[in-house]
Amino acid sequence: MTKIALVHDWLNQRGGAEDVLETLVEMCPESPVFTSIYWEEVMPETYRSWDIRTSFMNRLPLVKSHHQSYLPFYPRAFKSMDLSQYDLILSNKSGFCHGVNAGPDAVHVCYCLTPTRFLWEFERYALREGLNSFTRAALKPILHFLRQWDKSAADRVDHFIAISSEVQRRIKDIYQRESAIIYPPVDMTRFEPSNKLDDFYLVVSRLVPYKRIDLAVKALSHLDRPLLVAGEGRDKPRLQEMAGPNVTFLGRVEDEEVADLMSRCRVFLFPGVDDFGITPVQAMAAGRPVVAFAGGGALDTVIDGETGVLFNETEPQALASAIQQLDNIQLDVKRIRQHAELFSKLVFEEKLSQYIGRVLEGKV
């Protein structure tokens, strides 16, 4: 019987990476989860039944609430983990967890959500997070060391899996490694088409600058069409200031309400660039078309002219034109939902199981 170890960067917040991990745990219920830190109180209660094994970092002061302040510690944390008894290491990585040491006969498969973004796209990250010049200068020598370590860790991985074509490209550019693509799991059971459609456009997102919600706000204000914006974030005051009376900010919305809004919206808008972008797939699972920027994961998930419309310039006018273009296209709700099924949790489980089977048989 193959002994499998799951490895995850940190467990102190819940997002898309944790959605993937939850599916991996369902697939490998007997496997332990190795991670740097685990903040039990803020994570789902179901995690308490898992076999979670943390590094020495879990005992450091304030690390669970300020984990990014401990950047230099992660290489040692993951390198110190003893995984020698496992045949297969499956790391779920956006940070440093691919740096674990596998046993001499073990196979390490890395499910790569992204090459470590704040190392390889630091200037963009620093601008996005509002880091001042002093902080940027202080981080430079640390970043140099971490980039070297990150690349060395990637060299030790046996096989990479990317979550999208965009991430596959970055794995090739940064790590000089080839990768397969297996899209992240989307829980299709939460979403279904509705018989009732309302006349509003919808954004569901964290309100931070790189998500480019400003494009949607400006475009819909120009078109004078109703826009609902669900989500919170530091960019909210700026967005509210530029918004016309046609834009309504809903704040934080529960999952059930998100599913309802998606099923009833006229069009779902996704103006930013994401590594994958789960919300457009969720909207399509609800049978609704998507207008998205032609970049990142949207190039994998949205079929231009069939399940929505892609626009090529990060300008409000380009988004407005795409919306008007969609006015003249008759899209099939069943076709949109059928396309979304390609990204379902079931498909993810089947493809990953098949890939790992081929790896263990030496066919990859």
Protein backbone atom coordinates (compact mmCIF):
# COMPACT_ATOMS: atom_id res chain seq x y z
CA MET A 1 0.00 0.00 0.00
CA THR A 2 1.35 3.41 -1.00
CA LYS A 3 2.03 5.68 1.99
CA ILE A 4 1.12 9.26 1.09
CA ALA A 5 2.03 12.50 2.86
CA LEU A 6 0.14 15.71 2.07
CA VAL A 7 2.07 18.96 2.47
CA HIS A 8 0.52 22.44 2.68
CA ASP A 9 2.11 25.86 3.23
CA TRP A 10 0.17 27.11 6.27
CA LEU A 11 -3.21 26.67 7.89
CA ASN A 12 -4.11 30.04 9.37
CA GLN A 13 -6.63 31.29 6.80
CA ARG A 14 -9.09 29.74 4.38
CA GLY A 15 -9.08 30.31 0.63
CA GLY A 16 -8.71 28.53 -2.68
CA ALA A 17 -5.62 26.62 -1.55
CA GLU A 18 -7.58 25.16 1.35
CA ASP A 19 -10.42 24.14 -0.99
CA VAL A 20 -7.86 22.04 -2.85
CA LEU A 21 -6.42 20.63 0.37
CA GLU A 22 -9.86 19.60 1.61
CA THR A 23 -10.39 17.59 -1.56
CA LEU A 24 -6.93 16.00 -1.22
CA VAL A 25 -7.77 14.96 2.34
CA GLU A 26 -11.05 13.43 1.13
CA MET A 27 -9.08 11.49 -1.49
CA CYS A 28 -6.39 10.41 1.00
CA PRO A 29 -8.18 10.24 4.38
CA GLU A 30 -5.45 8.17 6.06
CA SER A 31 -2.66 10.55 5.08
CA PRO A 32 -1.20 13.13 7.47
CA VAL A 33 -1.06 16.81 6.56
CA PHE A 34 2.33 18.42 7.13
CA THR A 35 2.32 22.21 7.40
CA SER A 36 4.33 25.04 8.91
CA ILE A 37 1.63 26.43 11.23
CA TYR A 38 -1.94 25.56 12.20
CA TRP A 39 -4.32 28.08 13.80
CA GLU A 40 -6.98 25.70 14.98
CA GLU A 41 -9.35 28.35 16.31
CA VAL A 42 -9.89 30.12 12.97
CA MET A 43 -9.94 27.09 10.69
CA PRO A 44 -13.00 24.90 9.99
CA GLU A 45 -13.94 22.53 12.78
CA THR A 46 -13.71 19.57 10.39
CA TYR A 47 -9.93 20.08 10.27
CA ARG A 48 -9.69 18.97 13.91
CA SER A 49 -10.29 15.38 12.85
CA TRP A 50 -7.29 15.49 10.49
CA ASP A 51 -3.81 14.26 11.35
CA ILE A 52 -2.09 17.66 11.13
CA ARG A 53 1.62 17.82 11.88
CA THR A 54 3.27 21.23 12.27
CA SER A 55 6.84 22.50 12.27
CA PHE A 56 8.71 24.33 15.03
CA MET A 57 7.24 27.56 13.60
CA ASN A 58 3.90 26.75 15.21
CA ARG A 59 5.43 27.72 18.59
CA LEU A 60 6.80 31.12 17.50
CA PRO A 61 5.14 34.24 18.96
CA LEU A 62 2.32 35.76 16.89
CA VAL A 63 3.23 33.59 13.88
CA LYS A 64 -0.34 32.46 13.28
CA SER A 65 -1.63 35.99 12.81
CA HIS A 66 1.54 37.44 11.23
CA HIS A 67 2.95 34.52 9.25
CA GLN A 68 4.44 36.69 6.48
CA SER A 69 6.76 38.35 9.01
CA TYR A 70 8.55 35.01 9.39
CA LEU A 71 9.58 34.56 5.74
CA PRO A 72 13.19 33.45 6.40
CA PHE A 73 12.01 30.60 8.64
CA TYR A 74 10.00 28.64 6.06
CA PRO A 75 12.88 26.89 4.25
CA ARG A 76 14.16 25.43 7.52
CA ALA A 77 10.64 24.56 8.69
CA PHE A 78 9.85 22.41 5.67
CA LYS A 79 13.34 21.01 5.27
CA SER A 80 13.27 19.78 8.88
CA MET A 81 10.17 17.62 8.39
CA ASP A 82 10.84 13.88 8.41
CA LEU A 83 9.00 12.34 5.44
CA SER A 84 11.37 9.40 4.96
CA GLN A 85 8.67 6.78 5.60
CA TYR A 86 6.39 7.94 2.77
CA ASP A 87 6.30 6.64 -0.80
CA LEU A 88 4.47 9.63 -2.30
CA ILE A 89 4.71 13.29 -1.30
CA LEU A 90 1.87 15.45 -2.62
CA SER A 91 2.52 19.14 -1.94
CA ASN A 92 -0.15 21.79 -2.43
CA LYS A 93 2.03 24.82 -2.99
CA SER A 94 1.84 28.56 -3.42
CA GLY A 95 4.64 29.28 -0.96
CA PHE A 96 7.43 27.05 0.35
CA CYS A 97 6.02 23.60 1.09
CA HIS A 98 7.59 22.06 -2.02
CA GLY A 99 10.89 22.34 -0.14
CA VAL A 100 10.34 19.22 1.97
CA ASN A 101 12.90 16.45 1.71
CA ALA A 102 11.43 13.27 0.29
CA GLY A 103 12.99 9.91 1.00
CA PRO A 104 15.46 8.49 -1.56
CA ASP A 105 12.84 6.18 -3.08
CA ALA A 106 9.85 8.51 -2.72
CA VAL A 107 8.12 10.43 -5.51
CA HIS A 108 7.29 14.10 -4.96
CA VAL A 109 4.37 15.53 -6.97
CA CYS A 110 3.79 19.26 -6.53
CA TYR A 111 0.32 20.65 -7.22
CA CYS A 112 1.46 24.19 -7.96
CA LEU A 113 -1.10 26.92 -7.35
CA THR A 114 1.60 29.41 -8.38
CA PRO A 115 5.37 29.81 -8.17
CA THR A 116 5.93 31.76 -4.96
CA ARG A 117 4.47 35.10 -6.07
CA PHE A 118 6.04 37.50 -3.60
CA LEU A 119 9.49 36.16 -4.51
CA TRP A 120 9.25 36.22 -8.29
CA GLU A 121 6.84 39.14 -8.78
CA PHE A 122 7.95 41.17 -5.79
CA GLU A 123 7.63 44.66 -7.27
CA ARG A 124 4.04 44.00 -8.30
CA TYR A 125 3.35 42.42 -4.92
CA ALA A 126 4.96 45.34 -3.04
CA LEU A 127 2.91 47.86 -4.99
CA ARG A 128 -0.27 45.87 -4.38
CA GLU A 129 0.41 45.63 -0.63
CA GLY A 130 1.57 49.25 -0.30
CA LEU A 131 5.07 48.42 0.98
CA ASN A 132 7.23 51.51 1.51
CA SER A 133 10.72 51.97 0.05
CA PHE A 134 12.45 51.18 3.37
CA THR A 135 10.66 47.85 3.66
CA ARG A 136 11.44 47.01 0.03
CA ALA A 137 15.15 47.74 0.54
CA ALA A 138 15.27 45.72 3.78
CA LEU A 139 13.70 42.73 2.08
CA LYS A 140 16.07 42.59 -0.91
CA PRO A 141 18.82 40.39 0.62
CA ILE A 142 16.20 38.08 2.16
CA LEU A 143 14.43 37.79 -1.18
CA HIS A 144 17.70 36.95 -2.94
CA PHE A 145 18.32 34.06 -0.53
CA LEU A 146 14.73 32.83 -0.75
CA ARG A 147 14.71 32.88 -4.56
CA GLN A 148 17.83 30.72 -4.62
CA TRP A 149 16.30 28.32 -2.12
CA ASP A 150 12.96 28.27 -3.94
CA LYS A 151 14.59 27.36 -7.25
CA SER A 152 16.70 24.65 -5.58
CA ALA A 153 13.58 23.23 -3.93
CA ALA A 154 11.78 23.16 -7.28
CA ASP A 155 14.68 21.23 -8.77
CA ARG A 156 14.05 18.44 -6.22
CA VAL A 157 10.39 18.03 -7.15
CA ASP A 158 9.83 15.01 -9.41
CA HIS A 159 6.64 16.18 -11.15
CA PHE A 160 4.76 19.47 -11.32
CA ILE A 161 1.04 19.94 -11.89
CA ALA A 162 -0.19 23.44 -12.78
CA ILE A 163 -3.68 24.79 -12.09
CA SER A 164 -3.90 26.70 -15.40
CA SER A 165 -2.03 27.53 -18.60
CA GLU A 166 -0.84 30.76 -17.00
CA VAL A 167 0.70 28.92 -14.05
CA GLN A 168 2.15 26.31 -16.40
CA ARG A 169 3.89 29.12 -18.28
CA ARG A 170 5.30 30.59 -15.05
CA ILE A 171 6.56 27.20 -13.87
CA LYS A 172 8.44 26.92 -17.17
CA ASP A 173 9.79 30.49 -17.04
CA ILE A 174 10.80 30.52 -13.37
CA TYR A 175 11.66 26.90 -12.55
CA GLN A 176 12.52 25.68 -16.07
CA ARG A 177 10.26 22.70 -15.49
CA GLU A 178 7.50 21.12 -17.55
CA SER A 179 4.11 20.49 -15.95
CA ALA A 180 0.74 18.89 -16.56
CA ILE A 181 -2.46 20.90 -16.10
CA ILE A 182 -5.24 19.75 -13.77
CA TYR A 183 -7.77 22.43 -12.92
CA PRO A 184 -8.70 23.00 -9.25
CA PRO A 185 -11.91 21.41 -7.93
CA VAL A 186 -15.11 23.46 -8.04
CA ASP A 187 -18.05 22.34 -5.91
CA MET A 188 -20.76 22.24 -8.58
CA THR A 189 -23.45 21.13 -6.13
CA ARG A 190 -23.73 24.66 -4.73
CA PHE A 191 -24.77 26.17 -8.06
CA GLU A 192 -27.58 25.60 -10.51
CA PRO A 193 -29.38 27.67 -13.16
CA SER A 194 -32.48 29.57 -12.06
CA ASN A 195 -35.76 30.10 -13.85
CA LYS A 196 -35.77 33.67 -12.54
CA LEU A 197 -33.32 36.20 -13.99
CA ASP A 198 -32.98 39.76 -12.73
CA ASP A 199 -31.57 42.78 -14.52
CA PHE A 200 -28.27 43.27 -12.69
CA TYR A 201 -24.60 42.60 -13.35
CA LEU A 202 -22.53 40.97 -10.63
CA VAL A 203 -19.01 41.07 -9.19
CA VAL A 204 -17.97 38.76 -6.34
CA SER A 205 -14.44 39.49 -5.19
CA ARG A 206 -12.09 40.74 -2.53
CA LEU A 207 -11.97 44.50 -3.06
CA VAL A 208 -8.24 44.98 -3.56
CA PRO A 209 -6.60 46.94 -6.40
CA TYR A 210 -5.20 44.06 -8.45
CA LYS A 211 -8.69 42.58 -8.88
CA ARG A 212 -9.48 45.64 -11.08
CA ILE A 213 -13.05 46.04 -9.84
CA ASP A 214 -12.64 49.71 -10.81
CA LEU A 215 -13.02 48.66 -14.45
CA ALA A 216 -16.43 47.15 -13.72
CA VAL A 217 -17.56 50.12 -11.64
CA LYS A 218 -16.55 52.64 -14.31
CA ALA A 219 -17.89 50.60 -17.24
CA LEU A 220 -21.30 49.97 -15.67
CA SER A 221 -21.56 53.58 -14.47
CA HIS A 222 -20.88 54.69 -18.07
CA LEU A 223 -23.51 52.27 -19.42
CA ASP A 224 -25.89 53.20 -16.58
CA ARG A 225 -26.68 49.56 -15.85
CA PRO A 226 -27.21 48.11 -12.35
CA LEU A 227 -24.11 46.54 -10.80
CA LEU A 228 -23.99 44.59 -7.53
CA VAL A 229 -20.56 44.25 -5.90
CA ALA A 230 -20.24 41.53 -3.24
CA GLY A 231 -17.12 41.52 -1.10
CA GLU A 232 -14.97 43.59 1.24
CA GLY A 233 -11.44 44.97 1.06
CA ARG A 234 -9.25 48.00 1.43
CA ASP A 235 -10.13 49.29 -2.05
CA LYS A 236 -13.81 49.70 -1.15
CA PRO A 237 -13.70 53.46 -0.26
CA ARG A 238 -11.98 54.30 -3.55
CA LEU A 239 -14.49 52.24 -5.51
CA GLN A 240 -17.44 53.82 -3.72
CA GLU A 241 -16.11 57.27 -4.51
CA MET A 242 -15.97 56.59 -8.26
CA ALA A 243 -19.27 54.67 -8.42
CA GLY A 244 -22.47 56.07 -9.86
CA PRO A 245 -25.92 55.56 -8.29
CA ASN A 246 -26.33 52.38 -10.35
CA VAL A 247 -23.66 50.56 -8.27
CA THR A 248 -24.61 48.84 -5.01
CA PHE A 249 -21.98 47.51 -2.60
CA LEU A 250 -23.33 44.49 -0.71
CA GLY A 251 -20.37 43.93 1.61
CA ARG A 252 -19.54 40.43 2.75
CA VAL A 253 -22.06 37.91 1.46
CA GLU A 254 -22.63 34.35 2.72
CA ASP A 255 -22.06 31.42 0.37
CA GLU A 256 -25.76 30.66 -0.02
CA GLU A 257 -26.52 34.22 -1.09
CA VAL A 258 -23.59 34.23 -3.52
CA ALA A 259 -25.04 31.15 -5.24
CA ASP A 260 -28.44 32.83 -5.45
CA LEU A 261 -27.00 36.07 -6.86
CA MET A 262 -24.99 34.17 -9.45
CA SER A 263 -28.03 32.24 -10.63
CA ARG A 264 -30.11 35.41 -11.06
CA CYS A 265 -27.56 37.87 -12.47
CA ARG A 266 -27.68 38.99 -16.08
CA VAL A 267 -23.91 38.68 -16.51
CA PHE A 268 -21.00 37.90 -14.17
CA LEU A 269 -17.99 40.22 -14.47
CA PHE A 270 -14.37 39.20 -13.86
CA PRO A 271 -12.14 42.14 -14.84
CA GLY A 272 -8.88 41.15 -13.12
CA VAL A 273 -6.17 38.56 -13.78
CA ASP A 274 -6.03 35.51 -11.55
CA ASP A 275 -4.00 32.30 -11.61
CA PHE A 276 -7.23 30.35 -12.08
CA GLY A 277 -10.24 32.33 -10.87
CA ILE A 278 -12.94 30.16 -9.33
CA THR A 279 -15.82 32.67 -9.38
CA PRO A 280 -16.27 32.69 -13.20
CA VAL A 281 -16.58 28.90 -13.11
CA GLN A 282 -19.11 29.13 -10.28
CA ALA A 283 -21.14 31.66 -12.29
CA MET A 284 -21.08 29.39 -15.33
CA ALA A 285 -22.15 26.48 -13.11
CA ALA A 286 -25.19 28.65 -12.36
CA GLY A 287 -25.74 28.99 -16.10
CA ARG A 288 -24.71 32.61 -16.38
CA PRO A 289 -22.36 34.09 -19.01
CA VAL A 290 -19.11 35.75 -17.98
CA VAL A 291 -17.37 38.85 -19.25
CA ALA A 292 -13.70 38.51 -18.30
CA PHE A 293 -10.32 40.00 -19.09
CA ALA A 294 -8.42 37.81 -21.55
CA GLY A 295 -5.60 36.81 -19.22
CA GLY A 296 -4.66 34.33 -16.52
CA GLY A 297 -7.03 31.48 -15.77
CA ALA A 298 -9.94 33.06 -17.65
CA LEU A 299 -8.25 31.96 -20.88
CA ASP A 300 -8.77 28.37 -19.71
CA THR A 301 -12.24 28.73 -18.25
CA VAL A 302 -14.22 31.15 -20.45
CA ILE A 303 -14.94 30.29 -24.11
CA ASP A 304 -15.21 33.56 -26.02
CA GLY A 305 -18.57 33.73 -27.77
CA GLU A 306 -19.88 30.50 -26.18
CA THR A 307 -19.85 30.90 -22.42
CA GLY A 308 -19.15 34.62 -22.34
CA VAL A 309 -16.97 37.33 -23.86
CA LEU A 310 -13.30 38.13 -23.29
CA PHE A 311 -11.87 41.66 -23.55
CA ASN A 312 -8.21 42.46 -24.22
CA GLU A 313 -7.48 45.88 -22.76
CA THR A 314 -7.57 46.89 -19.10
CA GLU A 315 -9.75 49.88 -19.82
CA PRO A 316 -13.37 50.53 -18.80
CA GLN A 317 -14.29 51.14 -22.44
CA ALA A 318 -13.07 47.65 -23.39
CA LEU A 319 -15.19 46.06 -20.67
CA ALA A 320 -18.20 48.17 -21.67
CA SER A 321 -17.77 47.12 -25.32
CA ALA A 322 -17.62 43.45 -24.31
CA ILE A 323 -20.85 43.83 -22.35
CA GLN A 324 -22.53 45.44 -25.37
CA GLN A 325 -21.16 42.69 -27.60
CA LEU A 326 -22.74 40.10 -25.31
CA ASP A 327 -26.11 41.86 -25.76
CA ASN A 328 -26.13 40.60 -29.34
CA ILE A 329 -25.16 36.99 -28.60
CA GLN A 330 -27.70 34.29 -27.76
CA LEU A 331 -26.00 31.90 -25.36
CA ASP A 332 -27.27 28.49 -24.28
CA VAL A 333 -27.64 28.11 -20.51
CA LYS A 334 -27.26 24.33 -20.72
CA ARG A 335 -24.05 24.70 -22.76
CA ILE A 336 -22.63 27.13 -20.20
CA ARG A 337 -23.40 24.75 -17.33
CA GLN A 338 -22.03 21.79 -19.31
CA HIS A 339 -18.76 23.63 -19.85
CA ALA A 340 -18.47 24.40 -16.13
CA GLU A 341 -18.72 20.67 -15.40
CA LEU A 342 -15.20 20.28 -16.84
CA PHE A 343 -13.92 21.96 -13.67
CA SER A 344 -15.95 19.94 -11.17
CA LYS A 345 -14.59 18.27 -8.08
CA LEU A 346 -15.33 14.86 -9.60
CA VAL A 347 -13.26 15.63 -12.71
CA PHE A 348 -10.39 16.89 -10.51
CA GLU A 349 -10.40 13.70 -8.45
CA GLU A 350 -10.47 11.48 -11.54
CA LYS A 351 -7.68 13.34 -13.35
CA LEU A 352 -5.43 13.58 -10.30
CA SER A 353 -5.91 9.90 -9.44
CA GLN A 354 -5.12 8.90 -13.01
CA TYR A 355 -2.03 11.13 -13.10
CA ILE A 356 -0.66 9.82 -9.79
CA GLY A 357 -1.32 6.27 -10.95
CA ARG A 358 0.77 6.89 -14.07
CA VAL A 359 3.51 8.50 -11.97
CA LEU A 360 3.72 5.53 -9.60
CA GLU A 361 3.82 3.16 -12.59
CA GLY A 362 6.70 5.17 -14.07
CA LYS A 363 4.68 6.20 -17.12
CA VAL A 364 5.11 9.96 -16.58
